[in-house]
Amino acid sequence: MTGLSSGVVAITSGYDHTCALMATGDMQCWGRNTDGQLGNNSTTDSPVPVGVTGLSPGVSAMTAGESDTCALTTAGTAQCWGSNMSAVLGNNSTTGSLVPTDVTVVPSGILAIATSGNHTCVLTAAAGMQCWGYNGSGELGNGTTTDSPVPVTVIEP
């Protein structure tokens, strides 16, 4: 693959886009970009890897959803971009973003991040597990079926 002959330490794939985490802590993404899920400030599809624009330095993990992508930084914060259907970016909005935007409310100290079709969850050192986005079947684990544009705490049984 052009531009990724070495230095890849992790990969993730969404519905029809893929991203690679480089040893440098940068991300490269390619594929469909209809909603800005490649994070390169455009909506043009790319058959070759492109750098994510404006991403906080030092990415330690990443996850890709249907039309969105999120990154966990070494500082313990999260940034997401792409479609914001059902508020999956966690930035207290439903407006999509072509570049990384900070997830609001989650305290720093995020240890892990995962996303699915239209919701995202993080594990934090201080607040346990928190999720945001689509909640039609109770995916957020907060005892409701109401979508949330900001992280909500998963309740313990």
N, C-alpha and C. Protein backbone atom coordinates (compact mmCIF):
# COMPACT_ATOMS: atom_id res chain seq x y z
N MET A 1 0.83 -1.17 0.00
CA MET A 1 0.00 0.00 0.00
C MET A 1 0.88 1.23 0.00
N THR A 2 0.54 2.19 -0.80
CA THR A 2 1.31 3.42 -0.92
C THR A 2 1.41 4.14 0.42
N GLY A 3 2.62 4.47 0.83
CA GLY A 3 2.85 5.28 2.01
C GLY A 3 2.85 4.53 3.33
N LEU A 4 2.54 3.25 3.37
CA LEU A 4 2.49 2.53 4.62
C LEU A 4 3.33 1.26 4.57
N SER A 5 4.52 1.38 4.05
CA SER A 5 5.37 0.19 3.93
C SER A 5 5.98 -0.22 5.26
N SER A 6 6.01 0.69 6.22
CA SER A 6 6.54 0.35 7.55
C SER A 6 6.00 1.32 8.58
N GLY A 7 6.15 0.98 9.84
CA GLY A 7 5.78 1.87 10.92
C GLY A 7 4.34 1.77 11.39
N VAL A 8 3.55 0.85 10.85
CA VAL A 8 2.16 0.69 11.29
C VAL A 8 2.15 -0.16 12.56
N VAL A 9 1.46 0.35 13.62
CA VAL A 9 1.39 -0.40 14.87
C VAL A 9 -0.02 -0.89 15.18
N ALA A 10 -1.03 -0.34 14.50
CA ALA A 10 -2.42 -0.80 14.70
C ALA A 10 -3.26 -0.37 13.52
N ILE A 11 -4.37 -1.10 13.31
CA ILE A 11 -5.31 -0.73 12.26
C ILE A 11 -6.73 -0.83 12.81
N THR A 12 -7.64 -0.09 12.18
CA THR A 12 -9.07 -0.18 12.49
C THR A 12 -9.83 0.05 11.21
N SER A 13 -11.00 -0.53 11.11
CA SER A 13 -11.80 -0.28 9.91
C SER A 13 -13.24 -0.04 10.30
N GLY A 14 -13.86 0.91 9.59
CA GLY A 14 -15.26 1.22 9.78
C GLY A 14 -16.06 0.56 8.68
N TYR A 15 -17.23 1.11 8.39
CA TYR A 15 -18.10 0.53 7.39
C TYR A 15 -17.41 0.45 6.03
N ASP A 16 -16.80 1.54 5.58
CA ASP A 16 -16.07 1.50 4.32
C ASP A 16 -14.89 2.47 4.30
N HIS A 17 -14.22 2.55 5.45
CA HIS A 17 -12.95 3.28 5.53
C HIS A 17 -12.04 2.54 6.52
N THR A 18 -10.75 2.77 6.37
CA THR A 18 -9.75 2.10 7.20
C THR A 18 -8.73 3.13 7.67
N CYS A 19 -8.18 2.92 8.86
CA CYS A 19 -7.16 3.82 9.39
C CYS A 19 -6.01 3.00 9.97
N ALA A 20 -4.83 3.59 9.91
CA ALA A 20 -3.64 2.97 10.48
C ALA A 20 -3.02 3.93 11.49
N LEU A 21 -2.60 3.39 12.61
CA LEU A 21 -1.86 4.15 13.61
C LEU A 21 -0.39 3.89 13.36
N MET A 22 0.36 4.96 13.21
CA MET A 22 1.78 4.87 12.92
C MET A 22 2.60 4.90 14.20
N ALA A 23 3.79 4.36 14.17
CA ALA A 23 4.68 4.35 15.32
C ALA A 23 4.97 5.76 15.82
N THR A 24 4.83 6.75 14.95
CA THR A 24 5.05 8.15 15.31
C THR A 24 3.90 8.74 16.12
N GLY A 25 2.77 8.00 16.23
CA GLY A 25 1.60 8.51 16.93
C GLY A 25 0.64 9.25 16.02
N ASP A 26 0.93 9.27 14.74
CA ASP A 26 0.05 9.90 13.75
C ASP A 26 -0.90 8.85 13.19
N MET A 27 -1.96 9.33 12.52
CA MET A 27 -2.91 8.42 11.87
C MET A 27 -2.99 8.71 10.38
N GLN A 28 -3.20 7.65 9.62
CA GLN A 28 -3.44 7.73 8.19
C GLN A 28 -4.74 6.98 7.91
N CYS A 29 -5.63 7.56 7.10
CA CYS A 29 -6.91 6.90 6.80
C CYS A 29 -7.16 6.92 5.30
N TRP A 30 -7.98 5.97 4.82
CA TRP A 30 -8.31 5.91 3.40
C TRP A 30 -9.66 5.23 3.22
N GLY A 31 -10.23 5.41 2.03
CA GLY A 31 -11.51 4.81 1.70
C GLY A 31 -12.58 5.87 1.49
N ARG A 32 -13.81 5.50 1.78
CA ARG A 32 -14.94 6.41 1.61
C ARG A 32 -14.82 7.57 2.60
N ASN A 33 -15.22 8.76 2.14
CA ASN A 33 -15.08 9.95 2.97
C ASN A 33 -16.29 10.86 2.86
N THR A 34 -17.44 10.30 2.56
CA THR A 34 -18.67 11.06 2.35
C THR A 34 -18.98 11.99 3.51
N ASP A 35 -18.71 11.56 4.73
CA ASP A 35 -19.03 12.34 5.92
C ASP A 35 -17.80 12.89 6.62
N GLY A 36 -16.64 12.85 5.97
CA GLY A 36 -15.42 13.37 6.58
C GLY A 36 -14.75 12.40 7.52
N GLN A 37 -15.09 11.11 7.43
CA GLN A 37 -14.55 10.11 8.35
C GLN A 37 -13.05 9.88 8.21
N LEU A 38 -12.43 10.40 7.14
CA LEU A 38 -10.96 10.28 7.02
C LEU A 38 -10.25 11.38 7.81
N GLY A 39 -10.98 12.42 8.19
CA GLY A 39 -10.42 13.47 9.04
C GLY A 39 -9.44 14.39 8.35
N ASN A 40 -9.49 14.48 7.02
CA ASN A 40 -8.53 15.33 6.30
C ASN A 40 -9.16 16.61 5.78
N ASN A 41 -10.22 17.09 6.46
CA ASN A 41 -10.89 18.34 6.14
C ASN A 41 -11.50 18.35 4.74
N SER A 42 -11.97 17.20 4.29
CA SER A 42 -12.64 17.11 3.00
C SER A 42 -13.69 16.01 3.04
N THR A 43 -14.44 15.89 1.95
CA THR A 43 -15.39 14.78 1.80
C THR A 43 -15.07 13.99 0.54
N THR A 44 -13.83 14.09 0.09
CA THR A 44 -13.38 13.37 -1.10
C THR A 44 -12.83 12.00 -0.70
N ASP A 45 -13.36 10.96 -1.32
CA ASP A 45 -12.84 9.61 -1.06
C ASP A 45 -11.37 9.54 -1.41
N SER A 46 -10.63 8.65 -0.76
CA SER A 46 -9.21 8.50 -1.06
C SER A 46 -8.82 7.02 -1.13
N PRO A 47 -8.29 6.59 -2.28
CA PRO A 47 -7.86 5.20 -2.40
C PRO A 47 -6.46 4.96 -1.80
N VAL A 48 -5.84 6.02 -1.30
CA VAL A 48 -4.52 5.91 -0.66
C VAL A 48 -4.58 6.61 0.70
N PRO A 49 -3.72 6.25 1.63
CA PRO A 49 -3.73 6.86 2.96
C PRO A 49 -3.50 8.38 2.92
N VAL A 50 -4.28 9.08 3.75
CA VAL A 50 -4.12 10.52 3.93
C VAL A 50 -4.00 10.80 5.42
N GLY A 51 -3.24 11.82 5.78
CA GLY A 51 -3.08 12.18 7.18
C GLY A 51 -4.32 12.82 7.76
N VAL A 52 -4.57 12.59 9.04
CA VAL A 52 -5.68 13.21 9.75
C VAL A 52 -5.25 14.63 10.13
N THR A 53 -6.05 15.62 9.75
CA THR A 53 -5.73 17.03 9.96
C THR A 53 -6.07 17.49 11.37
N GLY A 54 -5.14 18.13 12.06
CA GLY A 54 -5.42 18.75 13.35
C GLY A 54 -5.59 17.79 14.52
N LEU A 55 -5.18 16.57 14.35
CA LEU A 55 -5.30 15.59 15.43
C LEU A 55 -4.27 15.89 16.51
N SER A 56 -4.71 15.82 17.78
CA SER A 56 -3.77 16.04 18.87
C SER A 56 -2.62 15.06 18.73
N PRO A 57 -1.41 15.50 19.04
CA PRO A 57 -0.25 14.61 18.89
C PRO A 57 -0.30 13.43 19.85
N GLY A 58 0.28 12.34 19.43
CA GLY A 58 0.43 11.19 20.30
C GLY A 58 -0.81 10.34 20.41
N VAL A 59 -1.28 9.77 19.32
CA VAL A 59 -2.42 8.87 19.37
C VAL A 59 -1.96 7.51 19.89
N SER A 60 -2.72 6.96 20.85
CA SER A 60 -2.35 5.65 21.41
C SER A 60 -3.31 4.55 20.98
N ALA A 61 -4.52 4.92 20.57
CA ALA A 61 -5.51 3.93 20.11
C ALA A 61 -6.50 4.64 19.22
N MET A 62 -7.22 3.87 18.43
CA MET A 62 -8.22 4.46 17.52
C MET A 62 -9.32 3.46 17.29
N THR A 63 -10.45 3.96 16.81
CA THR A 63 -11.59 3.12 16.52
C THR A 63 -12.41 3.77 15.42
N ALA A 64 -13.00 2.96 14.56
CA ALA A 64 -13.79 3.48 13.44
C ALA A 64 -15.20 2.92 13.50
N GLY A 65 -16.17 3.79 13.28
CA GLY A 65 -17.56 3.39 13.25
C GLY A 65 -18.08 3.35 11.84
N GLU A 66 -19.38 3.52 11.70
CA GLU A 66 -19.99 3.46 10.38
C GLU A 66 -19.48 4.57 9.48
N SER A 67 -19.58 5.82 9.92
CA SER A 67 -19.11 6.96 9.14
C SER A 67 -18.38 7.95 10.03
N ASP A 68 -17.72 7.44 11.06
CA ASP A 68 -17.00 8.29 12.00
C ASP A 68 -15.75 7.56 12.46
N THR A 69 -14.83 8.32 13.03
CA THR A 69 -13.58 7.77 13.53
C THR A 69 -13.23 8.49 14.83
N CYS A 70 -12.63 7.79 15.77
CA CYS A 70 -12.20 8.41 17.03
C CYS A 70 -10.78 7.98 17.35
N ALA A 71 -10.08 8.86 18.07
CA ALA A 71 -8.71 8.56 18.49
C ALA A 71 -8.58 8.85 19.98
N LEU A 72 -7.79 8.02 20.64
CA LEU A 72 -7.43 8.21 22.04
C LEU A 72 -5.99 8.71 22.04
N THR A 73 -5.75 9.83 22.73
CA THR A 73 -4.41 10.39 22.76
C THR A 73 -3.62 9.87 23.96
N THR A 74 -2.32 10.00 23.89
CA THR A 74 -1.47 9.57 25.01
C THR A 74 -1.72 10.44 26.24
N ALA A 75 -2.36 11.61 26.06
CA ALA A 75 -2.71 12.47 27.19
C ALA A 75 -3.99 12.00 27.86
N GLY A 76 -4.63 10.95 27.31
CA GLY A 76 -5.84 10.41 27.91
C GLY A 76 -7.11 11.13 27.53
N THR A 77 -7.10 11.82 26.39
CA THR A 77 -8.30 12.49 25.89
C THR A 77 -8.75 11.82 24.60
N ALA A 78 -9.97 12.12 24.18
CA ALA A 78 -10.51 11.53 22.96
C ALA A 78 -10.94 12.62 21.98
N GLN A 79 -10.74 12.33 20.70
CA GLN A 79 -11.20 13.20 19.63
C GLN A 79 -11.91 12.34 18.59
N CYS A 80 -13.00 12.87 18.02
CA CYS A 80 -13.77 12.14 17.02
C CYS A 80 -14.07 13.06 15.84
N TRP A 81 -14.37 12.44 14.68
CA TRP A 81 -14.70 13.22 13.48
C TRP A 81 -15.53 12.36 12.54
N GLY A 82 -16.16 13.05 11.58
CA GLY A 82 -17.00 12.37 10.59
C GLY A 82 -18.46 12.71 10.80
N SER A 83 -19.33 11.76 10.44
CA SER A 83 -20.76 11.95 10.61
C SER A 83 -21.08 12.06 12.10
N ASN A 84 -22.06 12.86 12.41
CA ASN A 84 -22.45 12.99 13.81
C ASN A 84 -23.90 12.55 13.99
N MET A 85 -24.32 11.59 13.16
CA MET A 85 -25.66 11.04 13.29
C MET A 85 -25.81 10.46 14.69
N SER A 86 -26.88 10.77 15.33
CA SER A 86 -27.17 10.32 16.70
C SER A 86 -26.15 10.83 17.70
N ALA A 87 -25.43 11.91 17.36
CA ALA A 87 -24.47 12.54 18.27
C ALA A 87 -23.29 11.65 18.62
N VAL A 88 -22.87 10.81 17.68
CA VAL A 88 -21.80 9.83 17.93
C VAL A 88 -20.43 10.47 18.19
N LEU A 89 -20.24 11.75 17.85
CA LEU A 89 -18.93 12.39 18.10
C LEU A 89 -18.74 12.81 19.55
N GLY A 90 -19.82 12.85 20.32
CA GLY A 90 -19.70 13.16 21.75
C GLY A 90 -19.30 14.59 22.05
N ASN A 91 -19.61 15.51 21.13
CA ASN A 91 -19.21 16.91 21.33
C ASN A 91 -20.40 17.82 21.60
N ASN A 92 -21.48 17.25 22.16
CA ASN A 92 -22.69 17.99 22.52
C ASN A 92 -23.32 18.67 21.32
N SER A 93 -23.31 17.98 20.18
CA SER A 93 -23.83 18.51 18.93
C SER A 93 -24.30 17.35 18.07
N THR A 94 -25.00 17.65 17.00
CA THR A 94 -25.31 16.65 16.00
C THR A 94 -24.77 17.07 14.64
N THR A 95 -23.87 18.06 14.65
CA THR A 95 -23.24 18.55 13.43
C THR A 95 -21.96 17.76 13.18
N GLY A 96 -21.80 17.23 11.97
CA GLY A 96 -20.60 16.48 11.63
C GLY A 96 -19.36 17.35 11.62
N SER A 97 -18.20 16.71 11.60
CA SER A 97 -16.93 17.43 11.59
C SER A 97 -15.96 16.75 10.63
N LEU A 98 -15.32 17.54 9.77
CA LEU A 98 -14.35 17.01 8.81
C LEU A 98 -12.96 16.86 9.41
N VAL A 99 -12.78 17.34 10.64
CA VAL A 99 -11.50 17.25 11.35
C VAL A 99 -11.78 16.82 12.80
N PRO A 100 -10.79 16.33 13.51
CA PRO A 100 -11.00 15.90 14.89
C PRO A 100 -11.58 17.01 15.77
N THR A 101 -12.53 16.62 16.60
CA THR A 101 -13.15 17.51 17.57
C THR A 101 -13.09 16.82 18.94
N ASP A 102 -12.89 17.59 19.98
CA ASP A 102 -12.77 17.02 21.32
C ASP A 102 -14.09 16.44 21.81
N VAL A 103 -14.03 15.28 22.43
CA VAL A 103 -15.18 14.72 23.12
C VAL A 103 -15.35 15.51 24.40
N THR A 104 -16.57 15.99 24.66
CA THR A 104 -16.80 16.83 25.83
C THR A 104 -17.18 16.00 27.04
N VAL A 105 -17.00 16.56 28.19
CA VAL A 105 -17.43 16.04 29.48
C VAL A 105 -16.57 14.91 30.04
N VAL A 106 -16.07 14.02 29.23
CA VAL A 106 -15.28 12.90 29.74
C VAL A 106 -14.04 13.43 30.43
N PRO A 107 -13.79 12.99 31.66
CA PRO A 107 -12.56 13.42 32.32
C PRO A 107 -11.35 12.82 31.62
N SER A 108 -10.21 13.47 31.78
CA SER A 108 -9.01 12.89 31.19
C SER A 108 -8.73 11.57 31.89
N GLY A 109 -7.83 10.82 31.35
CA GLY A 109 -7.53 9.52 31.93
C GLY A 109 -8.28 8.40 31.24
N ILE A 110 -8.60 8.60 29.95
CA ILE A 110 -9.27 7.55 29.19
C ILE A 110 -8.26 6.43 28.94
N LEU A 111 -8.68 5.20 29.23
CA LEU A 111 -7.79 4.04 29.08
C LEU A 111 -8.05 3.26 27.80
N ALA A 112 -9.30 3.28 27.31
CA ALA A 112 -9.67 2.52 26.12
C ALA A 112 -10.86 3.19 25.46
N ILE A 113 -10.99 2.97 24.13
CA ILE A 113 -12.09 3.54 23.37
C ILE A 113 -12.57 2.53 22.34
N ALA A 114 -13.90 2.49 22.13
CA ALA A 114 -14.48 1.59 21.13
C ALA A 114 -15.72 2.24 20.55
N THR A 115 -15.96 2.00 19.28
CA THR A 115 -17.16 2.53 18.64
C THR A 115 -17.82 1.45 17.81
N SER A 116 -19.11 1.63 17.61
CA SER A 116 -19.87 0.71 16.78
C SER A 116 -20.61 1.55 15.76
N GLY A 117 -21.70 1.06 15.23
CA GLY A 117 -22.43 1.79 14.21
C GLY A 117 -22.63 3.26 14.52
N ASN A 118 -23.29 3.58 15.61
CA ASN A 118 -23.58 4.98 15.92
C ASN A 118 -23.48 5.31 17.41
N HIS A 119 -22.63 4.61 18.12
CA HIS A 119 -22.36 4.98 19.51
C HIS A 119 -20.90 4.65 19.83
N THR A 120 -20.38 5.35 20.83
CA THR A 120 -18.97 5.19 21.22
C THR A 120 -18.90 5.06 22.74
N CYS A 121 -17.95 4.29 23.22
CA CYS A 121 -17.75 4.12 24.66
C CYS A 121 -16.27 4.26 25.00
N VAL A 122 -16.00 4.75 26.21
CA VAL A 122 -14.64 4.83 26.71
C VAL A 122 -14.60 4.25 28.12
N LEU A 123 -13.44 3.77 28.49
CA LEU A 123 -13.17 3.33 29.85
C LEU A 123 -12.23 4.35 30.45
N THR A 124 -12.60 4.93 31.59
CA THR A 124 -11.76 5.94 32.22
C THR A 124 -11.29 5.46 33.58
N ALA A 125 -10.17 6.00 34.01
CA ALA A 125 -9.62 5.64 35.31
C ALA A 125 -10.50 6.15 36.44
N ALA A 126 -11.07 7.34 36.27
CA ALA A 126 -11.82 7.96 37.36
C ALA A 126 -13.33 7.71 37.31
N ALA A 127 -13.91 7.68 36.13
CA ALA A 127 -15.37 7.64 36.02
C ALA A 127 -15.91 6.31 35.51
N GLY A 128 -15.08 5.29 35.39
CA GLY A 128 -15.54 4.01 34.89
C GLY A 128 -15.85 4.08 33.40
N MET A 129 -16.92 3.43 32.99
CA MET A 129 -17.26 3.38 31.58
C MET A 129 -18.30 4.44 31.24
N GLN A 130 -18.07 5.14 30.13
CA GLN A 130 -19.01 6.16 29.67
C GLN A 130 -19.25 5.96 28.18
N CYS A 131 -20.50 6.23 27.75
CA CYS A 131 -20.87 6.05 26.34
C CYS A 131 -21.71 7.23 25.87
N TRP A 132 -21.77 7.41 24.54
CA TRP A 132 -22.59 8.47 23.96
C TRP A 132 -23.02 8.06 22.55
N GLY A 133 -24.03 8.77 22.04
CA GLY A 133 -24.52 8.53 20.69
C GLY A 133 -25.88 7.85 20.70
N TYR A 134 -26.10 6.97 19.73
CA TYR A 134 -27.39 6.30 19.56
C TYR A 134 -27.67 5.35 20.73
N ASN A 135 -28.93 5.34 21.18
CA ASN A 135 -29.29 4.54 22.34
C ASN A 135 -30.67 3.89 22.18
N GLY A 136 -31.10 3.65 20.95
CA GLY A 136 -32.43 3.12 20.68
C GLY A 136 -32.72 1.79 21.32
N SER A 137 -31.70 0.98 21.56
CA SER A 137 -31.89 -0.33 22.21
C SER A 137 -31.18 -0.40 23.55
N GLY A 138 -30.81 0.75 24.10
CA GLY A 138 -30.13 0.78 25.40
C GLY A 138 -28.62 0.58 25.31
N GLU A 139 -28.03 0.85 24.14
CA GLU A 139 -26.59 0.63 23.93
C GLU A 139 -25.70 1.40 24.89
N LEU A 140 -26.19 2.53 25.41
CA LEU A 140 -25.35 3.36 26.28
C LEU A 140 -25.28 2.84 27.71
N GLY A 141 -26.14 1.91 28.07
CA GLY A 141 -26.06 1.28 29.38
C GLY A 141 -26.43 2.16 30.55
N ASN A 142 -27.20 3.23 30.27
CA ASN A 142 -27.56 4.14 31.36
C ASN A 142 -29.02 3.99 31.80
N GLY A 143 -29.66 2.89 31.39
CA GLY A 143 -31.02 2.62 31.82
C GLY A 143 -32.10 3.32 31.01
N THR A 144 -31.72 3.98 29.89
CA THR A 144 -32.70 4.65 29.04
C THR A 144 -32.54 4.17 27.60
N THR A 145 -33.39 4.68 26.73
CA THR A 145 -33.24 4.46 25.28
C THR A 145 -33.19 5.80 24.57
N THR A 146 -32.70 6.82 25.27
CA THR A 146 -32.58 8.17 24.72
C THR A 146 -31.15 8.41 24.26
N ASP A 147 -30.99 8.87 23.00
CA ASP A 147 -29.67 9.21 22.49
C ASP A 147 -29.01 10.27 23.38
N SER A 148 -27.68 10.28 23.43
CA SER A 148 -26.98 11.29 24.22
C SER A 148 -25.84 11.91 23.42
N PRO A 149 -25.81 13.26 23.31
CA PRO A 149 -24.74 13.95 22.59
C PRO A 149 -23.48 14.13 23.42
N VAL A 150 -23.54 13.73 24.69
CA VAL A 150 -22.38 13.79 25.58
C VAL A 150 -22.26 12.46 26.31
N PRO A 151 -21.09 12.13 26.79
CA PRO A 151 -20.90 10.86 27.51
C PRO A 151 -21.79 10.76 28.75
N VAL A 152 -22.37 9.57 28.92
CA VAL A 152 -23.15 9.26 30.12
C VAL A 152 -22.52 8.03 30.76
N THR A 153 -22.63 7.94 32.07
CA THR A 153 -22.02 6.84 32.81
C THR A 153 -22.85 5.56 32.66
N VAL A 154 -22.18 4.47 32.35
CA VAL A 154 -22.82 3.16 32.31
C VAL A 154 -23.09 2.76 33.75
N ILE A 155 -24.36 2.45 34.06
CA ILE A 155 -24.71 2.13 35.44
C ILE A 155 -24.37 0.69 35.76
N GLU A 156 -23.97 0.48 36.97
CA GLU A 156 -23.61 -0.88 37.41
C GLU A 156 -24.87 -1.60 37.88
N PRO A 157 -24.92 -2.92 37.65
CA PRO A 157 -26.09 -3.69 38.09
C PRO A 157 -26.18 -3.78 39.59
